[in-house]
Amino acid sequence: MKVWFLAAMVIALSGTAARAADPRYPDWPCTQAKVPEISLAAVWAGPPLEDVQSKWKDDAKVSALVAKLSARKTPLDEAEKSVKEFLAASATDKTTNAKLLFAGLFDTLNAQRSQVMNGLERVSRKQREAADKIREETLQLQALQGATPRDEAKVEALSNELIWKTRIFEDRLKVVRFVCEVPTTVDQRLFALGRVIQQEME
């Protein structure tokens, strides 16, 4: 009975996920709407960045700070403090350094989001394949259980395999739900750091 329950749950979950997906992004597994890229206008109201663009990579101090600030393991309050300290020490180059720093954060965090989102869609495709396989093997198990004579060894082997595959499916689903929060967290981090940079420029 446990096998049937688990298999039915997997099939129901996979069906729900498919219905909930944005038709524009059939592999997107999250309840949050997919926004492929952060809009610069949504997170930056400072001076234009066209003149700095990829130049932030050429500045060793800026690129090192960008790496630190964009790392999710760096607490946001610590990141904000680092921004203030860096810009306070910039003196006459404050505006240029502020623009370089934000340009670096914008590029890096957008790339992080894309990587996470591509990974989520890869897992989503694997989950759909796994659900199809579980559905197929559930039907095979049903046929084996109704066969005469019944091959108990095959029934047990397939039952155990289904339980294992279902657990993997459930574990992936939990990870997906957790990782679905990451793009929003990245958005919030970029917005918060952008606000601090702009305040320090004033």
Protein backbone atom coordinates (compact mmCIF):
# COMPACT_ATOMS: atom_id res chain seq x y z
CA MET A 1 0.00 0.00 0.00
CA LYS A 2 2.88 2.36 0.78
CA VAL A 3 4.23 1.96 -2.75
CA TRP A 4 0.87 2.84 -4.29
CA PHE A 5 0.50 5.87 -2.02
CA LEU A 6 3.99 7.20 -2.80
CA ALA A 7 3.65 6.64 -6.52
CA ALA A 8 0.23 8.31 -6.59
CA MET A 9 1.62 11.28 -4.68
CA VAL A 10 4.53 11.67 -7.13
CA ILE A 11 2.17 11.56 -10.11
CA ALA A 12 -0.15 14.10 -8.46
CA LEU A 13 2.74 16.42 -7.61
CA SER A 14 4.19 16.24 -11.11
CA GLY A 15 0.77 16.99 -12.59
CA THR A 16 0.27 19.97 -10.28
CA ALA A 17 3.70 21.34 -11.18
CA ALA A 18 2.96 21.06 -14.88
CA ARG A 19 -0.36 22.93 -14.51
CA ALA A 20 1.18 25.63 -12.31
CA ALA A 21 4.01 26.42 -14.75
CA ASP A 22 4.00 29.65 -16.75
CA PRO A 23 3.26 28.53 -20.34
CA ARG A 24 6.07 30.81 -21.56
CA TYR A 25 8.53 28.84 -19.42
CA PRO A 26 7.33 25.21 -19.39
CA ASP A 27 10.37 24.00 -17.40
CA TRP A 28 10.10 26.64 -14.66
CA PRO A 29 9.19 24.74 -11.45
CA CYS A 30 8.65 27.60 -8.98
CA THR A 31 5.42 29.24 -7.84
CA GLN A 32 7.28 32.56 -8.07
CA ALA A 33 7.00 34.16 -11.51
CA LYS A 34 10.09 33.72 -13.65
CA VAL A 35 11.87 37.01 -14.33
CA PRO A 36 14.80 36.00 -16.56
CA GLU A 37 16.92 39.06 -15.81
CA ILE A 38 17.00 41.88 -13.27
CA SER A 39 16.09 45.21 -14.83
CA LEU A 40 18.73 47.89 -14.18
CA ALA A 41 16.01 50.54 -13.76
CA ALA A 42 14.40 48.48 -10.98
CA VAL A 43 17.51 48.51 -8.80
CA TRP A 44 19.50 51.61 -9.79
CA ALA A 45 18.46 55.26 -9.84
CA GLY A 46 22.00 56.64 -9.82
CA PRO A 47 24.02 58.12 -12.69
CA PRO A 48 24.30 56.19 -15.99
CA LEU A 49 26.70 53.24 -15.99
CA GLU A 50 27.50 53.10 -19.71
CA ASP A 51 30.96 54.61 -19.22
CA VAL A 52 32.01 51.95 -16.69
CA GLN A 53 30.26 48.78 -17.95
CA SER A 54 32.90 45.99 -17.83
CA LYS A 55 35.70 48.26 -16.53
CA TRP A 56 35.02 47.11 -12.97
CA LYS A 57 36.84 43.87 -13.83
CA ASP A 58 40.05 45.82 -14.46
CA ASP A 59 40.08 47.29 -10.94
CA ALA A 60 41.50 44.72 -8.50
CA LYS A 61 39.97 46.33 -5.39
CA VAL A 62 36.53 46.67 -6.94
CA SER A 63 36.46 43.15 -8.39
CA ALA A 64 37.58 41.66 -5.04
CA LEU A 65 34.87 43.60 -3.22
CA VAL A 66 32.25 42.58 -5.79
CA ALA A 67 33.14 38.92 -5.19
CA LYS A 68 32.75 39.38 -1.43
CA LEU A 69 29.49 41.37 -1.60
CA SER A 70 27.82 39.06 -4.11
CA ALA A 71 28.55 35.91 -2.07
CA ARG A 72 25.38 34.76 -0.29
CA LYS A 73 27.51 33.64 2.67
CA THR A 74 28.36 37.32 3.33
CA PRO A 75 25.61 38.70 5.63
CA LEU A 76 23.81 41.68 4.11
CA ASP A 77 24.61 44.01 7.03
CA GLU A 78 28.31 43.14 6.69
CA ALA A 79 28.11 43.74 2.93
CA GLU A 80 26.49 47.15 3.45
CA LYS A 81 29.20 48.09 5.97
CA SER A 82 31.91 47.09 3.47
CA VAL A 83 30.30 49.30 0.80
CA LYS A 84 30.31 52.30 3.16
CA GLU A 85 33.93 51.75 4.20
CA PHE A 86 35.09 51.36 0.60
CA LEU A 87 33.34 54.47 -0.65
CA ALA A 88 34.35 56.52 2.42
CA ALA A 89 37.99 55.79 1.52
CA SER A 90 37.46 56.67 -2.15
CA ALA A 91 37.70 60.46 -1.66
CA THR A 92 37.73 62.23 -5.06
CA ASP A 93 37.00 59.01 -6.96
CA LYS A 94 33.85 58.19 -4.98
CA THR A 95 31.38 58.56 -7.86
CA THR A 96 33.48 56.52 -10.28
CA ASN A 97 34.16 53.81 -7.69
CA ALA A 98 30.48 53.70 -6.73
CA LYS A 99 29.49 53.21 -10.37
CA LEU A 100 32.17 50.57 -10.89
CA LEU A 101 31.07 48.73 -7.76
CA PHE A 102 27.41 48.68 -8.71
CA ALA A 103 28.16 47.71 -12.32
CA GLY A 104 30.14 44.75 -10.96
CA LEU A 105 27.39 43.74 -8.56
CA PHE A 106 24.75 44.03 -11.27
CA ASP A 107 26.71 41.83 -13.70
CA THR A 108 27.72 39.27 -11.07
CA LEU A 109 24.36 38.88 -9.33
CA ASN A 110 22.49 38.70 -12.64
CA ALA A 111 24.86 35.90 -13.70
CA GLN A 112 24.27 34.13 -10.37
CA ARG A 113 20.51 34.32 -10.87
CA SER A 114 20.78 32.92 -14.39
CA GLN A 115 22.91 30.02 -13.18
CA VAL A 116 20.44 29.16 -10.41
CA MET A 117 17.43 29.48 -12.71
CA ASN A 118 19.01 27.31 -15.41
CA GLY A 119 19.77 24.71 -12.75
CA LEU A 120 16.17 24.77 -11.52
CA GLU A 121 14.88 24.16 -15.05
CA ARG A 122 17.33 21.26 -15.53
CA VAL A 123 16.06 19.68 -12.30
CA SER A 124 12.48 20.31 -13.39
CA ARG A 125 13.07 18.33 -16.60
CA LYS A 126 14.63 15.49 -14.59
CA GLN A 127 11.64 15.50 -12.24
CA ARG A 128 9.24 15.22 -15.16
CA GLU A 129 11.23 12.28 -16.56
CA ALA A 130 11.33 10.67 -13.10
CA ALA A 131 7.56 11.04 -12.69
CA ASP A 132 6.98 9.42 -16.10
CA LYS A 133 9.25 6.53 -15.11
CA ILE A 134 7.48 6.10 -11.76
CA ARG A 135 4.11 6.10 -13.52
CA GLU A 136 5.34 3.49 -16.00
CA GLU A 137 6.83 1.24 -13.28
CA THR A 138 3.69 1.58 -11.15
CA LEU A 139 1.70 0.08 -14.04
CA GLN A 140 4.33 -2.67 -14.38
CA LEU A 141 4.02 -3.43 -10.66
CA GLN A 142 0.25 -3.56 -10.93
CA ALA A 143 0.55 -6.08 -13.77
CA LEU A 144 3.05 -8.19 -11.81
CA GLN A 145 0.81 -8.24 -8.74
CA GLY A 146 -2.16 -9.38 -10.80
CA ALA A 147 -0.24 -12.06 -12.69
CA THR A 148 -0.84 -15.76 -12.18
CA PRO A 149 1.41 -17.26 -11.02
CA ARG A 150 2.73 -14.22 -9.16
CA ASP A 151 6.51 -13.74 -9.11
CA GLU A 152 7.06 -12.47 -5.56
CA ALA A 153 10.77 -11.74 -6.12
CA LYS A 154 10.00 -9.45 -9.07
CA VAL A 155 7.15 -7.78 -7.17
CA GLU A 156 9.40 -7.08 -4.19
CA ALA A 157 12.31 -5.86 -6.34
CA LEU A 158 10.12 -3.44 -8.32
CA SER A 159 8.35 -2.28 -5.14
CA ASN A 160 11.68 -1.45 -3.52
CA GLU A 161 12.87 0.33 -6.65
CA LEU A 162 9.70 2.43 -6.76
CA ILE A 163 10.06 3.39 -3.10
CA TRP A 164 13.67 4.46 -3.73
CA LYS A 165 12.84 6.48 -6.87
CA THR A 166 9.92 8.15 -5.09
CA ARG A 167 12.12 9.20 -2.18
CA ILE A 168 14.63 10.73 -4.60
CA PHE A 169 11.75 12.57 -6.30
CA GLU A 170 10.50 13.92 -2.95
CA ASP A 171 14.00 14.98 -1.87
CA ARG A 172 14.55 16.86 -5.13
CA LEU A 173 11.18 18.55 -4.71
CA LYS A 174 12.19 19.85 -1.27
CA VAL A 175 15.48 21.18 -2.67
CA VAL A 176 13.66 22.87 -5.57
CA ARG A 177 11.27 24.63 -3.16
CA PHE A 178 14.25 25.95 -1.20
CA VAL A 179 16.26 27.01 -4.26
CA CYS A 180 13.20 28.75 -5.75
CA GLU A 181 13.72 31.45 -3.10
CA VAL A 182 17.26 32.24 -4.30
CA PRO A 183 16.45 34.52 -7.28
CA THR A 184 14.22 36.68 -5.05
CA THR A 185 16.95 36.82 -2.41
CA VAL A 186 19.46 37.91 -5.06
CA ASP A 187 17.06 40.63 -6.27
CA GLN A 188 16.65 41.92 -2.72
CA ARG A 189 20.41 41.90 -2.11
CA LEU A 190 21.15 43.85 -5.28
CA PHE A 191 18.43 46.39 -4.51
CA ALA A 192 19.67 46.88 -0.92
CA LEU A 193 23.32 47.27 -1.93
CA GLY A 194 22.39 49.60 -4.79
CA ARG A 195 20.47 51.79 -2.37
CA VAL A 196 23.45 51.98 0.02
CA ILE A 197 25.83 52.84 -2.85
CA GLN A 198 23.52 55.63 -4.04
CA GLN A 199 23.14 57.02 -0.50
CA GLU A 200 26.92 57.08 -0.07
CA MET A 201 27.30 59.00 -3.34
CA GLU A 202 25.06 61.82 -2.14
